[in-house]
Each structure stands twice: as structure tokens, then as C-alpha cells.
């Protein structure tokens, strides 16, 4: 009986899951490559908040960015999952800033 080959990344994620550290490893990988995965514009307007049970949480600097992230959610999920090498993220939870939150100052906008 022939065995179907399993990709090493799938096996690795299964091992990490059995050790109960899959989410933590995934979280660290996302944080490390945040700018590369999102690109300059999106990365400057969003902050990583967490990853748990296949949900990536991000906080945006303005409510308008919340709409942009929701509009491109499927494409962003695909980019993150491609980077991770497996289907880890199934949803992106976008958090808009609360009333009274200080706006994040982004470098390169003429602000000090």
C-alpha cells in the first residue's frame, strides 16, 4: 500500500499543535514579518494585537482603515497563510481605535 507524502510544514504544524505551542509560534512569525506580509502602507496603519484559534486580531489607526482591511480580508488571509505555509488564519478581527485614543504618529508624514 502506497503512502501519500505529507508536506514537512504540515507535519511541523501538527507537532507544534500537539505541544500546544502552535498559536505562539504562529504569532511570533507574523510579528517578525508584519511589514513584509502587509506591505508598507497597510503595515503603517495597523498594529498586531494577537493570534488565537485561527483569528488574527489587528488594531487600525483610524476607522477608515477598518473598512479597507475588511474589504481585502480574503486576500490578506491568503497572504498570511502563504507566508505561514499552511492554512492557519481563517478570520481577521479588525479593531478600530476607541474615542479618545491618541492617533499613532507615523514616520514619514512630516510629524515629529
C-alpha atoms as a PDB file:
ATOM      1  CA  UNK A   1       0.000   0.000   0.000  1.00  0.00           C
ATOM      2  CA  UNK A   2       1.454   3.353  -1.073  1.00  0.00           C
ATOM      3  CA  UNK A   3       1.511   6.221   1.382  1.00  0.00           C
ATOM      4  CA  UNK A   4       0.669   9.698   0.259  1.00  0.00           C
ATOM      5  CA  UNK A   5       3.531  12.099   1.032  1.00  0.00           C
ATOM      6  CA  UNK A   6       2.821  14.814   3.581  1.00  0.00           C
ATOM      7  CA  UNK A   7       4.486  18.194   3.293  1.00  0.00           C
ATOM      8  CA  UNK A   8       7.030  18.796   6.049  1.00  0.00           C
ATOM      9  CA  UNK A   9       5.359  22.092   7.010  1.00  0.00           C
ATOM     10  CA  UNK A  10       2.057  20.292   7.686  1.00  0.00           C
ATOM     11  CA  UNK A  11       3.843  17.749   9.868  1.00  0.00           C
ATOM     12  CA  UNK A  12       5.669  20.507  11.728  1.00  0.00           C
ATOM     13  CA  UNK A  13       2.425  22.408  12.441  1.00  0.00           C
ATOM     14  CA  UNK A  14       0.822  19.177  13.672  1.00  0.00           C
ATOM     15  CA  UNK A  15       3.708  18.634  16.091  1.00  0.00           C
ATOM     16  CA  UNK A  16       3.531  22.242  17.302  1.00  0.00           C
ATOM     17  CA  UNK A  17      -0.216  21.851  17.790  1.00  0.00           C
ATOM     18  CA  UNK A  18       0.263  18.676  19.827  1.00  0.00           C
ATOM     19  CA  UNK A  19       2.746  20.559  22.006  1.00  0.00           C
ATOM     20  CA  UNK A  20       0.182  23.361  22.476  1.00  0.00           C
ATOM     21  CA  UNK A  21       2.564  25.998  21.085  1.00  0.00           C
ATOM     22  CA  UNK A  22       1.221  26.379  17.545  1.00  0.00           C
ATOM     23  CA  UNK A  23      -0.511  29.717  18.195  1.00  0.00           C
ATOM     24  CA  UNK A  24       2.551  31.148  19.936  1.00  0.00           C
ATOM     25  CA  UNK A  25       4.896  30.175  17.091  1.00  0.00           C
ATOM     26  CA  UNK A  26       2.445  31.499  14.505  1.00  0.00           C
ATOM     27  CA  UNK A  27       2.108  34.743  16.455  1.00  0.00           C
ATOM     28  CA  UNK A  28       5.868  35.265  16.548  1.00  0.00           C
ATOM     29  CA  UNK A  29       6.220  34.524  12.838  1.00  0.00           C
ATOM     30  CA  UNK A  30       3.513  37.050  11.973  1.00  0.00           C
ATOM     31  CA  UNK A  31       5.036  39.760  14.177  1.00  0.00           C
ATOM     32  CA  UNK A  32       8.505  39.191  12.764  1.00  0.00           C
ATOM     33  CA  UNK A  33       7.354  39.594   9.159  1.00  0.00           C
ATOM     34  CA  UNK A  34       4.459  42.009   9.663  1.00  0.00           C
ATOM     35  CA  UNK A  35       5.812  44.692   7.299  1.00  0.00           C
ATOM     36  CA  UNK A  36       6.819  42.210   4.609  1.00  0.00           C
ATOM     37  CA  UNK A  37       3.455  40.457   4.608  1.00  0.00           C
ATOM     38  CA  UNK A  38       1.257  43.573   4.681  1.00  0.00           C
ATOM     39  CA  UNK A  39       3.394  45.970   2.720  1.00  0.00           C
ATOM     40  CA  UNK A  40       4.438  49.450   3.773  1.00  0.00           C
ATOM     41  CA  UNK A  41       1.082  51.259   3.581  1.00  0.00           C
ATOM     42  CA  UNK A  42      -1.036  48.699   5.421  1.00  0.00           C
ATOM     43  CA  UNK A  43       1.669  47.964   7.992  1.00  0.00           C
ATOM     44  CA  UNK A  44       1.988  51.662   8.849  1.00  0.00           C
ATOM     45  CA  UNK A  45      -1.716  51.885   9.567  1.00  0.00           C
ATOM     46  CA  UNK A  46      -2.251  48.710  11.560  1.00  0.00           C
ATOM     47  CA  UNK A  47      -0.801  47.166  14.690  1.00  0.00           C
ATOM     48  CA  UNK A  48      -0.634  43.487  15.507  1.00  0.00           C
ATOM     49  CA  UNK A  49      -2.846  42.666  18.519  1.00  0.00           C
ATOM     50  CA  UNK A  50      -2.778  38.887  18.706  1.00  0.00           C
ATOM     51  CA  UNK A  51      -3.474  35.488  17.211  1.00  0.00           C
ATOM     52  CA  UNK A  52      -5.615  32.761  18.742  1.00  0.00           C
ATOM     53  CA  UNK A  53      -7.750  29.912  17.392  1.00  0.00           C
ATOM     54  CA  UNK A  54      -7.163  30.862  13.736  1.00  0.00           C
ATOM     55  CA  UNK A  55      -8.180  34.506  14.276  1.00  0.00           C
ATOM     56  CA  UNK A  56      -5.691  37.306  13.669  1.00  0.00           C
ATOM     57  CA  UNK A  57      -6.503  40.500  15.596  1.00  0.00           C
ATOM     58  CA  UNK A  58      -5.212  43.852  14.402  1.00  0.00           C
ATOM     59  CA  UNK A  59      -5.872  47.419  15.505  1.00  0.00           C
ATOM     60  CA  UNK A  60      -6.013  50.152  12.899  1.00  0.00           C
ATOM     61  CA  UNK A  61      -5.089  53.809  13.381  1.00  0.00           C
ATOM     62  CA  UNK A  62      -8.366  55.128  12.003  1.00  0.00           C
ATOM     63  CA  UNK A  63     -11.856  53.719  11.390  1.00  0.00           C
ATOM     64  CA  UNK A  64     -11.426  54.240   7.638  1.00  0.00           C
ATOM     65  CA  UNK A  65      -8.643  51.661   7.686  1.00  0.00           C
ATOM     66  CA  UNK A  66     -11.006  49.178   9.319  1.00  0.00           C
ATOM     67  CA  UNK A  67     -13.100  49.219   6.136  1.00  0.00           C
ATOM     68  CA  UNK A  68     -10.010  48.741   3.979  1.00  0.00           C
ATOM     69  CA  UNK A  69      -8.855  45.715   5.959  1.00  0.00           C
ATOM     70  CA  UNK A  70     -12.334  44.184   5.868  1.00  0.00           C
ATOM     71  CA  UNK A  71     -12.549  44.800   2.113  1.00  0.00           C
ATOM     72  CA  UNK A  72      -9.322  42.888   1.487  1.00  0.00           C
ATOM     73  CA  UNK A  73      -9.721  40.313   4.252  1.00  0.00           C
ATOM     74  CA  UNK A  74      -9.697  37.266   1.943  1.00  0.00           C
ATOM     75  CA  UNK A  75      -6.580  38.436   0.112  1.00  0.00           C
ATOM     76  CA  UNK A  76      -4.811  39.260   3.380  1.00  0.00           C
ATOM     77  CA  UNK A  77      -5.693  35.880   4.870  1.00  0.00           C
ATOM     78  CA  UNK A  78      -4.261  34.228   1.759  1.00  0.00           C
ATOM     79  CA  UNK A  79      -1.032  36.261   2.070  1.00  0.00           C
ATOM     80  CA  UNK A  80      -0.574  35.372   5.735  1.00  0.00           C
ATOM     81  CA  UNK A  81      -1.331  31.695   5.124  1.00  0.00           C
ATOM     82  CA  UNK A  82       1.060  31.572   2.174  1.00  0.00           C
ATOM     83  CA  UNK A  83       3.769  33.019   4.400  1.00  0.00           C
ATOM     84  CA  UNK A  84       2.998  30.508   7.163  1.00  0.00           C
ATOM     85  CA  UNK A  85       2.954  27.621   4.699  1.00  0.00           C
ATOM     86  CA  UNK A  86      -0.438  26.295   5.802  1.00  0.00           C
ATOM     87  CA  UNK A  87      -3.998  27.438   6.417  1.00  0.00           C
ATOM     88  CA  UNK A  88      -3.613  28.869   9.932  1.00  0.00           C
ATOM     89  CA  UNK A  89      -5.686  32.049   9.683  1.00  0.00           C
ATOM     90  CA  UNK A  90      -9.384  31.843   8.861  1.00  0.00           C
ATOM     91  CA  UNK A  91     -10.504  35.294  10.019  1.00  0.00           C
ATOM     92  CA  UNK A  92      -9.106  38.758  10.657  1.00  0.00           C
ATOM     93  CA  UNK A  93     -10.656  40.721  13.523  1.00  0.00           C
ATOM     94  CA  UNK A  94     -10.097  44.433  12.870  1.00  0.00           C
ATOM     95  CA  UNK A  95     -10.289  46.774  15.847  1.00  0.00           C
ATOM     96  CA  UNK A  96     -10.922  50.472  15.242  1.00  0.00           C
ATOM     97  CA  UNK A  97      -9.474  52.986  17.679  1.00  0.00           C
ATOM     98  CA  UNK A  98     -11.735  53.966  20.551  1.00  0.00           C
ATOM     99  CA  UNK A  99     -12.916  57.501  21.017  1.00  0.00           C
ATOM    100  CA  UNK A 100     -10.182  59.390  22.800  1.00  0.00           C
ATOM    101  CA  UNK A 101      -7.344  57.093  21.680  1.00  0.00           C
ATOM    102  CA  UNK A 102      -4.282  59.027  20.675  1.00  0.00           C
ATOM    103  CA  UNK A 103      -3.585  58.678  16.990  1.00  0.00           C
ATOM    104  CA  UNK A 104      -0.485  56.750  16.163  1.00  0.00           C
ATOM    105  CA  UNK A 105       2.131  59.054  14.668  1.00  0.00           C
ATOM    106  CA  UNK A 106       3.519  57.502  11.530  1.00  0.00           C
ATOM    107  CA  UNK A 107       7.038  58.281  10.464  1.00  0.00           C
ATOM    108  CA  UNK A 108       7.496  59.950   7.147  1.00  0.00           C
ATOM    109  CA  UNK A 109       4.412  62.145   7.396  1.00  0.00           C
ATOM    110  CA  UNK A 110       6.224  65.347   8.334  1.00  0.00           C
ATOM    111  CA  UNK A 111       5.460  64.934  12.043  1.00  0.00           C
ATOM    112  CA  UNK A 112       7.936  64.919  14.864  1.00  0.00           C
END
